[in-house]
C-alpha atoms as a PDB file:
ATOM      1  CA  MET A   1     -75.006  47.030  85.946  1.00  0.00           C
ATOM      2  CA  SER A   2     -74.510  43.530  86.950  1.00  0.00           C
ATOM      3  CA  ILE A   3     -73.508  41.518  89.547  1.00  0.00           C
ATOM      4  CA  GLN A   4     -69.843  39.704  89.485  1.00  0.00           C
ATOM      5  CA  ILE A   5     -68.281  37.123  92.299  1.00  0.00           C
ATOM      6  CA  SER A   6     -65.780  35.994  91.815  1.00  0.00           C
ATOM      7  CA  SER A   7     -65.734  32.526  93.964  1.00  0.00           C
ATOM      8  CA  PRO A   8     -68.371  31.864  96.540  1.00  0.00           C
ATOM      9  CA  LEU A   9     -69.406  33.725  99.267  1.00  0.00           C
ATOM     10  CA  SER A  10     -67.517  32.597 102.564  1.00  0.00           C
ATOM     11  CA  VAL A  11     -68.223  33.771 106.297  1.00  0.00           C
ATOM     12  CA  SER A  12     -64.420  35.157 105.866  1.00  0.00           C
ATOM     13  CA  ASP A  13     -64.625  37.319 103.489  1.00  0.00           C
ATOM     14  CA  HIS A  14     -67.135  40.202 103.967  1.00  0.00           C
ATOM     15  CA  ARG A  15     -65.616  42.479 101.240  1.00  0.00           C
ATOM     16  CA  ARG A  16     -67.692  45.315 100.624  1.00  0.00           C
ATOM     17  CA  ASP A  17     -67.011  45.544  96.890  1.00  0.00           C
ATOM     18  CA  ILE A  18     -67.353  41.620  96.530  1.00  0.00           C
ATOM     19  CA  ALA A  19     -70.351  42.243  94.000  1.00  0.00           C
ATOM     20  CA  GLY A  20     -68.666  44.966  92.481  1.00  0.00           C
ATOM     21  CA  LEU A  21     -71.538  47.551  93.572  1.00  0.00           C
ATOM     22  CA  LYS A  22     -70.787  50.587  95.772  1.00  0.00           C
ATOM     23  CA  TYR A  23     -73.472  50.636  98.506  1.00  0.00           C
ATOM     24  CA  VAL A  24     -74.458  46.978  98.537  1.00  0.00           C
ATOM     25  CA  TYR A  25     -72.842  43.450  98.826  1.00  0.00           C
ATOM     26  CA  PRO A  26     -73.127  40.155 100.022  1.00  0.00           C
ATOM     27  CA  VAL A  27     -72.202  38.367 103.153  1.00  0.00           C
ATOM     28  CA  ILE A  28     -72.412  35.185 104.588  1.00  0.00           C
ATOM     29  CA  SER A  29     -73.074  36.007 108.267  1.00  0.00           C
ATOM     30  CA  ARG A  30     -71.705  33.335 111.040  1.00  0.00           C
ATOM     31  CA  ARG A  31     -74.094  34.802 113.489  1.00  0.00           C
ATOM     32  CA  ALA A  32     -77.514  34.576 111.059  1.00  0.00           C
ATOM     33  CA  GLY A  33     -76.705  31.634 109.550  1.00  0.00           C
ATOM     34  CA  GLY A  34     -77.435  32.435 105.563  1.00  0.00           C
ATOM     35  CA  VAL A  35     -77.194  35.344 103.794  1.00  0.00           C
ATOM     36  CA  SER A  36     -77.250  38.823 104.803  1.00  0.00           C
ATOM     37  CA  ILE A  37     -77.521  42.016 101.989  1.00  0.00           C
ATOM     38  CA  GLY A  38     -75.567  44.348 103.972  1.00  0.00           C
ATOM     39  CA  ILE A  39     -76.019  48.173 102.830  1.00  0.00           C
ATOM     40  CA  ASN A  40     -72.566  50.232 103.671  1.00  0.00           C
ATOM     41  CA  LEU A  41     -73.354  54.421 103.768  1.00  0.00           C
ATOM     42  CA  ASN A  42     -70.023  54.626 104.842  1.00  0.00           C
ATOM     43  CA  PRO A  43     -68.049  53.873 101.651  1.00  0.00           C
ATOM     44  CA  ASN A  44     -65.679  56.484 103.183  1.00  0.00           C
ATOM     45  CA  ASN A  45     -64.606  54.709 105.703  1.00  0.00           C
ATOM     46  CA  ALA A  46     -65.259  56.676 107.966  1.00  0.00           C
ATOM     47  CA  CYS A  47     -66.276  56.043 111.048  1.00  0.00           C
ATOM     48  CA  ASN A  48     -66.625  58.614 114.999  1.00  0.00           C
ATOM     49  CA  TRP A  49     -65.724  55.507 116.569  1.00  0.00           C
ATOM     50  CA  ARG A  50     -62.456  53.397 116.123  1.00  0.00           C
ATOM     51  CA  CYS A  51     -62.685  49.785 117.551  1.00  0.00           C
ATOM     52  CA  VAL A  52     -59.553  48.235 117.685  1.00  0.00           C
ATOM     53  CA  TYR A  53     -60.695  44.723 116.498  1.00  0.00           C
ATOM     54  CA  CYS A  54     -62.427  46.694 113.361  1.00  0.00           C
ATOM     55  CA  GLN A  55     -61.521  44.823 110.759  1.00  0.00           C
ATOM     56  CA  VAL A  56     -62.307  48.329 108.239  1.00  0.00           C
ATOM     57  CA  PRO A  57     -59.184  48.917 106.080  1.00  0.00           C
ATOM     58  CA  ASP A  58     -58.014  52.555 105.962  1.00  0.00           C
ATOM     59  CA  LEU A  59     -60.266  53.711 108.605  1.00  0.00           C
ATOM     60  CA  VAL A  60     -60.559  57.295 109.565  1.00  0.00           C
ATOM     61  CA  ARG A  61     -62.915  59.374 111.766  1.00  0.00           C
ATOM     62  CA  GLY A  62     -65.100  61.007 110.198  1.00  0.00           C
ATOM     63  CA  SER A  63     -69.329  61.009 109.059  1.00  0.00           C
ATOM     64  CA  ALA A  64     -71.037  58.887 106.482  1.00  0.00           C
ATOM     65  CA  PRO A  65     -70.746  61.025 102.748  1.00  0.00           C
ATOM     66  CA  GLU A  66     -73.717  61.868 101.105  1.00  0.00           C
ATOM     67  CA  ILE A  67     -75.126  58.471  99.218  1.00  0.00           C
ATOM     68  CA  ASP A  68     -76.779  58.197  96.063  1.00  0.00           C
ATOM     69  CA  LEU A  69     -80.033  57.240  96.967  1.00  0.00           C
ATOM     70  CA  GLN A  70     -80.719  56.868  93.186  1.00  0.00           C
ATOM     71  CA  GLN A  71     -78.335  54.385  92.898  1.00  0.00           C
ATOM     72  CA  LEU A  72     -78.818  52.807  96.351  1.00  0.00           C
ATOM     73  CA  GLU A  73     -81.982  51.463  95.059  1.00  0.00           C
ATOM     74  CA  LEU A  74     -80.708  50.590  91.655  1.00  0.00           C
ATOM     75  CA  GLU A  75     -78.637  48.268  93.185  1.00  0.00           C
ATOM     76  CA  LEU A  76     -80.651  47.067  95.897  1.00  0.00           C
ATOM     77  CA  ASP A  77     -83.641  46.065  93.450  1.00  0.00           C
ATOM     78  CA  LEU A  78     -80.409  44.316  91.158  1.00  0.00           C
ATOM     79  CA  MET A  79     -79.218  42.302  94.235  1.00  0.00           C
ATOM     80  CA  LEU A  80     -82.376  41.418  95.041  1.00  0.00           C
ATOM     81  CA  ASN A  81     -83.690  40.510  91.956  1.00  0.00           C
ATOM     82  CA  GLN A  82     -80.137  38.009  91.623  1.00  0.00           C
ATOM     83  CA  ILE A  83     -81.257  36.432  94.930  1.00  0.00           C
ATOM     84  CA  VAL A  84     -85.337  35.959  94.416  1.00  0.00           C
ATOM     85  CA  TYR A  85     -85.885  35.518  90.677  1.00  0.00           C
ATOM     86  CA  GLY A  86     -82.096  33.981  89.372  1.00  0.00           C
ATOM     87  CA  ASP A  87     -78.444  31.900  89.980  1.00  0.00           C
ATOM     88  CA  PHE A  88     -77.252  34.102  92.591  1.00  0.00           C
ATOM     89  CA  MET A  89     -78.102  31.805  96.113  1.00  0.00           C
ATOM     90  CA  ALA A  90     -77.055  28.676  93.662  1.00  0.00           C
ATOM     91  CA  THR A  91     -74.273  29.840  92.088  1.00  0.00           C
ATOM     92  CA  ALA A  92     -72.099  32.191  94.785  1.00  0.00           C
ATOM     93  CA  VAL A  93     -73.370  30.930  98.241  1.00  0.00           C
ATOM     94  CA  PRO A  94     -72.448  27.163  99.853  1.00  0.00           C
ATOM     95  CA  PRO A  95     -75.496  24.810  99.651  1.00  0.00           C
ATOM     96  CA  GLU A  96     -75.962  25.258 103.970  1.00  0.00           C
ATOM     97  CA  ALA A  97     -76.267  29.009 103.346  1.00  0.00           C
ATOM     98  CA  GLN A  98     -78.469  29.648 101.158  1.00  0.00           C
ATOM     99  CA  ARG A  99     -81.601  31.447 102.801  1.00  0.00           C
ATOM    100  CA  LEU A 100     -81.660  35.314 102.843  1.00  0.00           C
ATOM    101  CA  ASN A 101     -81.850  36.012 106.189  1.00  0.00           C
ATOM    102  CA  ASP A 102     -81.952  39.786 106.454  1.00  0.00           C
ATOM    103  CA  ILE A 103     -80.838  43.320 104.958  1.00  0.00           C
ATOM    104  CA  ALA A 104     -78.005  44.900 107.343  1.00  0.00           C
ATOM    105  CA  PHE A 105     -76.838  48.264 107.782  1.00  0.00           C
ATOM    106  CA  SER A 106     -73.809  47.770 108.420  1.00  0.00           C
ATOM    107  CA  GLY A 107     -70.635  48.367 106.252  1.00  0.00           C
ATOM    108  CA  ASN A 108     -67.144  50.549 107.105  1.00  0.00           C
ATOM    109  CA  GLY A 109     -68.380  52.807 109.394  1.00  0.00           C
ATOM    110  CA  GLU A 110     -71.356  54.460 111.494  1.00  0.00           C
ATOM    111  CA  PRO A 111     -74.288  53.959 109.643  1.00  0.00           C
ATOM    112  CA  THR A 112     -76.351  56.735 111.523  1.00  0.00           C
ATOM    113  CA  THR A 113     -74.161  59.088 110.943  1.00  0.00           C
ATOM    114  CA  SER A 114     -75.566  59.358 107.325  1.00  0.00           C
ATOM    115  CA  LYS A 115     -77.929  62.582 106.810  1.00  0.00           C
ATOM    116  CA  GLN A 116     -80.027  60.114 104.334  1.00  0.00           C
ATOM    117  CA  PHE A 117     -79.974  56.866 106.934  1.00  0.00           C
ATOM    118  CA  LEU A 118     -83.756  57.499 107.181  1.00  0.00           C
ATOM    119  CA  ALA A 119     -84.494  57.660 103.546  1.00  0.00           C
ATOM    120  CA  ALA A 120     -82.238  54.782 102.668  1.00  0.00           C
ATOM    121  CA  CYS A 121     -84.742  52.806 105.838  1.00  0.00           C
ATOM    122  CA  GLU A 122     -87.784  54.202 103.379  1.00  0.00           C
ATOM    123  CA  LEU A 123     -86.142  52.583 100.237  1.00  0.00           C
ATOM    124  CA  VAL A 124     -85.361  49.257 102.117  1.00  0.00           C
ATOM    125  CA  ALA A 125     -88.962  49.362 103.398  1.00  0.00           C
ATOM    126  CA  ALA A 126     -90.187  49.473  99.359  1.00  0.00           C
ATOM    127  CA  ALA A 127     -87.911  47.189  97.890  1.00  0.00           C
ATOM    128  CA  ARG A 128     -89.145  44.732 100.951  1.00  0.00           C
ATOM    129  CA  GLN A 129     -92.739  45.195  99.657  1.00  0.00           C
ATOM    130  CA  LYS A 130     -91.743  45.085  96.146  1.00  0.00           C
ATOM    131  CA  TYR A 131     -90.206  41.237  96.649  1.00  0.00           C
ATOM    132  CA  ASN A 132     -92.283  40.158  99.369  1.00  0.00           C
ATOM    133  CA  LEU A 133     -89.668  39.482 101.821  1.00  0.00           C
ATOM    134  CA  ASP A 134     -90.108  38.400 105.342  1.00  0.00           C
ATOM    135  CA  VAL A 135     -86.796  38.955 106.312  1.00  0.00           C
ATOM    136  CA  LYS A 136     -85.412  41.113 108.802  1.00  0.00           C
ATOM    137  CA  THR A 137     -84.265  44.734 108.790  1.00  0.00           C
ATOM    138  CA  VAL A 138     -81.018  44.811 110.776  1.00  0.00           C
ATOM    139  CA  VAL A 139     -78.974  47.889 111.686  1.00  0.00           C
ATOM    140  CA  ILE A 140     -75.293  47.083 113.367  1.00  0.00           C
ATOM    141  CA  THR A 141     -74.442  50.500 115.393  1.00  0.00           C
ATOM    142  CA  ASN A 142     -72.385  51.924 118.129  1.00  0.00           C
ATOM    143  CA  GLY A 143     -75.786  53.998 119.349  1.00  0.00           C
ATOM    144  CA  SER A 144     -73.796  56.864 119.011  1.00  0.00           C
ATOM    145  CA  GLN A 145     -76.524  59.138 117.234  1.00  0.00           C
ATOM    146  CA  LEU A 146     -79.522  57.898 119.173  1.00  0.00           C
ATOM    147  CA  ASP A 147     -80.342  60.716 120.709  1.00  0.00           C
ATOM    148  CA  LYS A 148     -81.370  62.778 117.366  1.00  0.00           C
ATOM    149  CA  PRO A 149     -85.064  62.262 116.420  1.00  0.00           C
ATOM    150  CA  GLN A 150     -84.239  62.076 112.911  1.00  0.00           C
ATOM    151  CA  VAL A 151     -82.355  58.564 113.700  1.00  0.00           C
ATOM    152  CA  GLN A 152     -84.820  57.264 116.700  1.00  0.00           C
ATOM    153  CA  MET A 153     -87.689  58.002 113.608  1.00  0.00           C
ATOM    154  CA  ALA A 154     -85.749  55.855 111.371  1.00  0.00           C
ATOM    155  CA  LEU A 155     -85.572  53.071 114.375  1.00  0.00           C
ATOM    156  CA  ALA A 156     -89.353  53.178 114.435  1.00  0.00           C
ATOM    157  CA  ARG A 157     -90.357  52.904 110.963  1.00  0.00           C
ATOM    158  CA  LEU A 158     -87.062  49.678 110.967  1.00  0.00           C
ATOM    159  CA  SER A 159     -89.721  48.150 113.839  1.00  0.00           C
ATOM    160  CA  GLU A 160     -92.252  48.147 111.347  1.00  0.00           C
ATOM    161  CA  MET A 161     -90.253  45.624 109.296  1.00  0.00           C
ATOM    162  CA  GLN A 162     -89.199  43.613 111.866  1.00  0.00           C
ATOM    163  CA  GLY A 163     -86.714  45.530 112.452  1.00  0.00           C
ATOM    164  CA  GLU A 164     -83.668  44.479 114.785  1.00  0.00           C
ATOM    165  CA  VAL A 165     -80.703  47.209 116.420  1.00  0.00           C
ATOM    166  CA  TRP A 166     -77.700  45.623 117.127  1.00  0.00           C
ATOM    167  CA  PHE A 167     -76.412  48.207 119.897  1.00  0.00           C
ATOM    168  CA  LYS A 168     -72.560  47.700 120.395  1.00  0.00           C
ATOM    169  CA  ILE A 169     -71.765  47.729 123.557  1.00  0.00           C
ATOM    170  CA  ASP A 170     -68.143  45.633 124.397  1.00  0.00           C
ATOM    171  CA  ARG A 171     -67.104  46.740 127.841  1.00  0.00           C
ATOM    172  CA  ALA A 172     -69.086  48.172 130.602  1.00  0.00           C
ATOM    173  CA  PRO A 173     -69.269  52.150 130.047  1.00  0.00           C
ATOM    174  CA  GLN A 174     -66.952  53.947 132.295  1.00  0.00           C
ATOM    175  CA  ASP A 175     -66.937  57.371 132.715  1.00  0.00           C
ATOM    176  CA  GLY A 176     -64.058  58.603 130.057  1.00  0.00           C
ATOM    177  CA  VAL A 177     -62.085  57.253 127.331  1.00  0.00           C
ATOM    178  CA  GLU A 178     -62.702  53.530 126.291  1.00  0.00           C
ATOM    179  CA  TRP A 179     -59.852  51.872 125.325  1.00  0.00           C
ATOM    180  CA  VAL A 180     -61.741  49.085 122.925  1.00  0.00           C
ATOM    181  CA  ASN A 181     -63.671  51.385 120.898  1.00  0.00           C
ATOM    182  CA  GLN A 182     -61.277  54.314 121.729  1.00  0.00           C
ATOM    183  CA  ILE A 183     -64.580  56.722 121.983  1.00  0.00           C
ATOM    184  CA  ALA A 184     -65.098  58.620 124.935  1.00  0.00           C
ATOM    185  CA  LEU A 185     -68.294  57.992 126.510  1.00  0.00           C
ATOM    186  CA  THR A 186     -70.072  58.230 130.065  1.00  0.00           C
ATOM    187  CA  ARG A 187     -72.847  55.409 131.849  1.00  0.00           C
ATOM    188  CA  VAL A 188     -75.390  57.903 131.643  1.00  0.00           C
ATOM    189  CA  GLN A 189     -74.971  58.285 128.029  1.00  0.00           C
ATOM    190  CA  VAL A 190     -74.163  54.531 126.652  1.00  0.00           C
ATOM    191  CA  ALA A 191     -78.077  53.824 129.419  1.00  0.00           C
ATOM    192  CA  ARG A 192     -80.257  56.711 127.970  1.00  0.00           C
ATOM    193  CA  ARG A 193     -79.395  55.676 124.443  1.00  0.00           C
ATOM    194  CA  LEU A 194     -79.704  51.418 125.038  1.00  0.00           C
ATOM    195  CA  ALA A 195     -83.190  52.621 126.171  1.00  0.00           C
ATOM    196  CA  THR A 196     -84.154  54.928 123.630  1.00  0.00           C
ATOM    197  CA  SER A 197     -83.351  52.061 121.520  1.00  0.00           C
ATOM    198  CA  ALA A 198     -85.092  49.406 122.635  1.00  0.00           C
ATOM    199  CA  GLN A 199     -88.445  51.099 123.289  1.00  0.00           C
ATOM    200  CA  SER A 200     -87.895  52.060 119.282  1.00  0.00           C
ATOM    201  CA  CYS A 201     -86.997  48.827 117.804  1.00  0.00           C
ATOM    202  CA  SER A 202     -86.323  45.398 118.931  1.00  0.00           C
ATOM    203  CA  THR A 203     -83.080  45.860 120.521  1.00  0.00           C
ATOM    204  CA  TRP A 204     -80.135  42.538 121.197  1.00  0.00           C
ATOM    205  CA  VAL A 205     -76.510  44.062 122.825  1.00  0.00           C
ATOM    206  CA  GLN A 206     -73.629  43.180 120.681  1.00  0.00           C
ATOM    207  CA  THR A 207     -70.381  42.344 122.573  1.00  0.00           C
ATOM    208  CA  CYS A 208     -66.928  41.166 121.392  1.00  0.00           C
ATOM    209  CA  MET A 209     -64.652  40.089 123.693  1.00  0.00           C
ATOM    210  CA  PHE A 210     -61.240  39.173 123.239  1.00  0.00           C
ATOM    211  CA  ALA A 211     -57.785  38.865 124.971  1.00  0.00           C
ATOM    212  CA  THR A 212     -55.239  41.575 124.710  1.00  0.00           C
ATOM    213  CA  ASP A 213     -51.435  41.005 124.923  1.00  0.00           C
ATOM    214  CA  GLY A 214     -52.849  37.449 125.933  1.00  0.00           C
ATOM    215  CA  VAL A 215     -54.468  38.656 128.720  1.00  0.00           C
ATOM    216  CA  LEU A 216     -58.830  37.503 128.635  1.00  0.00           C
ATOM    217  CA  PRO A 217     -60.683  40.177 130.421  1.00  0.00           C
ATOM    218  CA  SER A 218     -60.487  40.561 134.339  1.00  0.00           C
ATOM    219  CA  GLU A 219     -63.225  39.285 136.513  1.00  0.00           C
ATOM    220  CA  GLU A 220     -63.760  42.648 137.489  1.00  0.00           C
ATOM    221  CA  GLU A 221     -64.393  44.297 134.199  1.00  0.00           C
ATOM    222  CA  ILE A 222     -66.597  40.963 133.240  1.00  0.00           C
ATOM    223  CA  VAL A 223     -68.571  41.963 136.190  1.00  0.00           C
ATOM    224  CA  ALA A 224     -68.779  45.739 136.005  1.00  0.00           C
ATOM    225  CA  TYR A 225     -70.124  44.488 132.111  1.00  0.00           C
ATOM    226  CA  ILE A 226     -72.937  41.789 133.876  1.00  0.00           C
ATOM    227  CA  ASP A 227     -73.699  44.849 136.544  1.00  0.00           C
ATOM    228  CA  PHE A 228     -74.077  46.976 133.690  1.00  0.00           C
ATOM    229  CA  LEU A 229     -77.033  45.115 131.928  1.00  0.00           C
ATOM    230  CA  ALA A 230     -78.510  43.257 135.241  1.00  0.00           C
ATOM    231  CA  GLU A 231     -78.757  47.493 135.674  1.00  0.00           C
ATOM    232  CA  GLN A 232     -80.429  47.982 132.333  1.00  0.00           C
ATOM    233  CA  LEU A 233     -82.612  45.533 132.741  1.00  0.00           C
ATOM    234  CA  ARG A 234     -83.760  46.410 136.670  1.00  0.00           C
ATOM    235  CA  ALA A 235     -84.921  49.860 135.030  1.00  0.00           C
ATOM    236  CA  GLY A 236     -87.313  47.796 132.688  1.00  0.00           C
ATOM    237  CA  VAL A 237     -84.968  48.208 129.360  1.00  0.00           C
ATOM    238  CA  PRO A 238     -86.913  45.877 127.505  1.00  0.00           C
ATOM    239  CA  LEU A 239     -83.250  44.255 125.791  1.00  0.00           C
ATOM    240  CA  ALA A 240     -84.010  41.260 123.307  1.00  0.00           C
ATOM    241  CA  GLY A 241     -80.895  39.919 124.163  1.00  0.00           C
ATOM    242  CA  VAL A 242     -76.750  39.487 123.785  1.00  0.00           C
ATOM    243  CA  LEU A 243     -75.254  38.840 120.934  1.00  0.00           C
ATOM    244  CA  LEU A 244     -71.857  37.669 122.179  1.00  0.00           C
ATOM    245  CA  TYR A 245     -69.309  36.845 119.695  1.00  0.00           C
ATOM    246  CA  GLY A 246     -65.282  36.565 119.690  1.00  0.00           C
ATOM    247  CA  LEU A 247     -62.915  37.905 116.615  1.00  0.00           C
ATOM    248  CA  ALA A 248     -63.008  35.642 113.086  1.00  0.00           C
ATOM    249  CA  ARG A 249     -61.223  37.470 111.372  1.00  0.00           C
ATOM    250  CA  PRO A 250     -58.192  39.064 112.071  1.00  0.00           C
ATOM    251  CA  SER A 251     -57.824  43.712 112.597  1.00  0.00           C
ATOM    252  CA  LEU A 252     -56.846  45.483 110.688  1.00  0.00           C
ATOM    253  CA  GLN A 253     -56.245  48.300 112.961  1.00  0.00           C
ATOM    254  CA  ILE A 254     -52.432  49.595 114.609  1.00  0.00           C
ATOM    255  CA  GLU A 255     -53.888  47.378 117.729  1.00  0.00           C
ATOM    256  CA  ALA A 256     -54.401  44.126 115.510  1.00  0.00           C
ATOM    257  CA  PRO A 257     -50.998  41.834 117.068  1.00  0.00           C
ATOM    258  CA  ARG A 258     -52.218  42.312 120.225  1.00  0.00           C
ATOM    259  CA  LEU A 259     -55.364  41.055 120.006  1.00  0.00           C
ATOM    260  CA  SER A 260     -56.320  37.192 120.183  1.00  0.00           C
ATOM    261  CA  ALA A 261     -59.457  35.014 120.635  1.00  0.00           C
ATOM    262  CA  ALA A 262     -60.824  34.004 123.916  1.00  0.00           C
ATOM    263  CA  PRO A 263     -61.022  30.344 124.307  1.00  0.00           C
ATOM    264  CA  ILE A 264     -64.520  29.029 123.714  1.00  0.00           C
ATOM    265  CA  GLY A 265     -64.810  27.706 127.038  1.00  0.00           C
ATOM    266  CA  TRP A 266     -64.271  31.025 128.907  1.00  0.00           C
ATOM    267  CA  MET A 267     -66.605  32.004 126.059  1.00  0.00           C
ATOM    268  CA  GLN A 268     -69.498  30.063 126.963  1.00  0.00           C
ATOM    269  CA  SER A 269     -68.888  30.772 130.637  1.00  0.00           C
ATOM    270  CA  LEU A 270     -69.721  34.081 130.092  1.00  0.00           C
ATOM    271  CA  GLN A 271     -72.596  33.226 127.938  1.00  0.00           C
ATOM    272  CA  GLY A 272     -74.082  31.238 131.030  1.00  0.00           C
ATOM    273  CA  ARG A 273     -73.106  33.858 133.670  1.00  0.00           C
ATOM    274  CA  LEU A 274     -75.318  35.722 131.479  1.00  0.00           C
ATOM    275  CA  GLU A 275     -78.396  33.720 131.094  1.00  0.00           C
ATOM    276  CA  HIS A 276     -78.386  33.355 134.763  1.00  0.00           C
ATOM    277  CA  LEU A 277     -80.020  37.210 134.392  1.00  0.00           C
ATOM    278  CA  GLY A 278     -82.741  36.311 131.954  1.00  0.00           C
ATOM    279  CA  LEU A 279     -80.909  37.205 128.752  1.00  0.00           C
ATOM    280  CA  THR A 280     -81.342  35.341 125.353  1.00  0.00           C
ATOM    281  CA  VAL A 281     -77.631  34.593 124.297  1.00  0.00           C
ATOM    282  CA  LYS A 282     -76.490  34.090 120.724  1.00  0.00           C
ATOM    283  CA  LEU A 283     -73.048  32.797 121.493  1.00  0.00           C
ATOM    284  CA  SER A 284     -70.672  32.845 117.877  1.00  0.00           C
ATOM    285  CA  VAL A 285     -67.310  32.400 118.146  1.00  0.00           C
END
């Protein structure tokens, strides 16, 4: 098994098979500002949500499949060996991004739907120790599985290795179907799961804003979103902050022609309103 990348990495190319591996892939993260090692526990392109801005091709509803943990361990070791001891950074990464920023459970679906999520976290812990890594371990999640004890155990384990949860909240949760995420949610569910996450591991709210049919989210929608976050702060939920971002790459869902990026000035205005709550906000446009 070897790593073969035909062209240098870029922020616009997040292909999961870019290194010729099944579970592990390198990307340059515009939010992280360096190389992120992605772990894809959903190589079947299955997710329990279907966000309209999702860039996963041939996305289907479902859960993560059975993972070959031995292969995942081998691929992660191979990638880290090339980064730490090999010439990967020099040959595959632009000079300005030649640093390892994190190991992230991301990929082509919701990683916490994997029954082996906790075991995969243990593999990352062992790899961090082997290579003496001082980098974050991130899980990018929609939070839907946070009521499960096994997932809570995994987040507690992540917290021991500079863990961060990036918890998706794109709009204020309503009691019904959320169009952006194509899922039925309730406000109580989201609040409970967000609190569970924040109490288990450092948790950032991750929000994608964009225009639909040329129309930006209404002031009513924005106020509802801000009020929801303010409500969590008043309840004592220890949020690390908000990762606010726009459309950087085109959606591969049927709604793609309807979506467009929000103006930078509009995004910066929303950033200021969130910071007024006392939240740290990292903006990526």
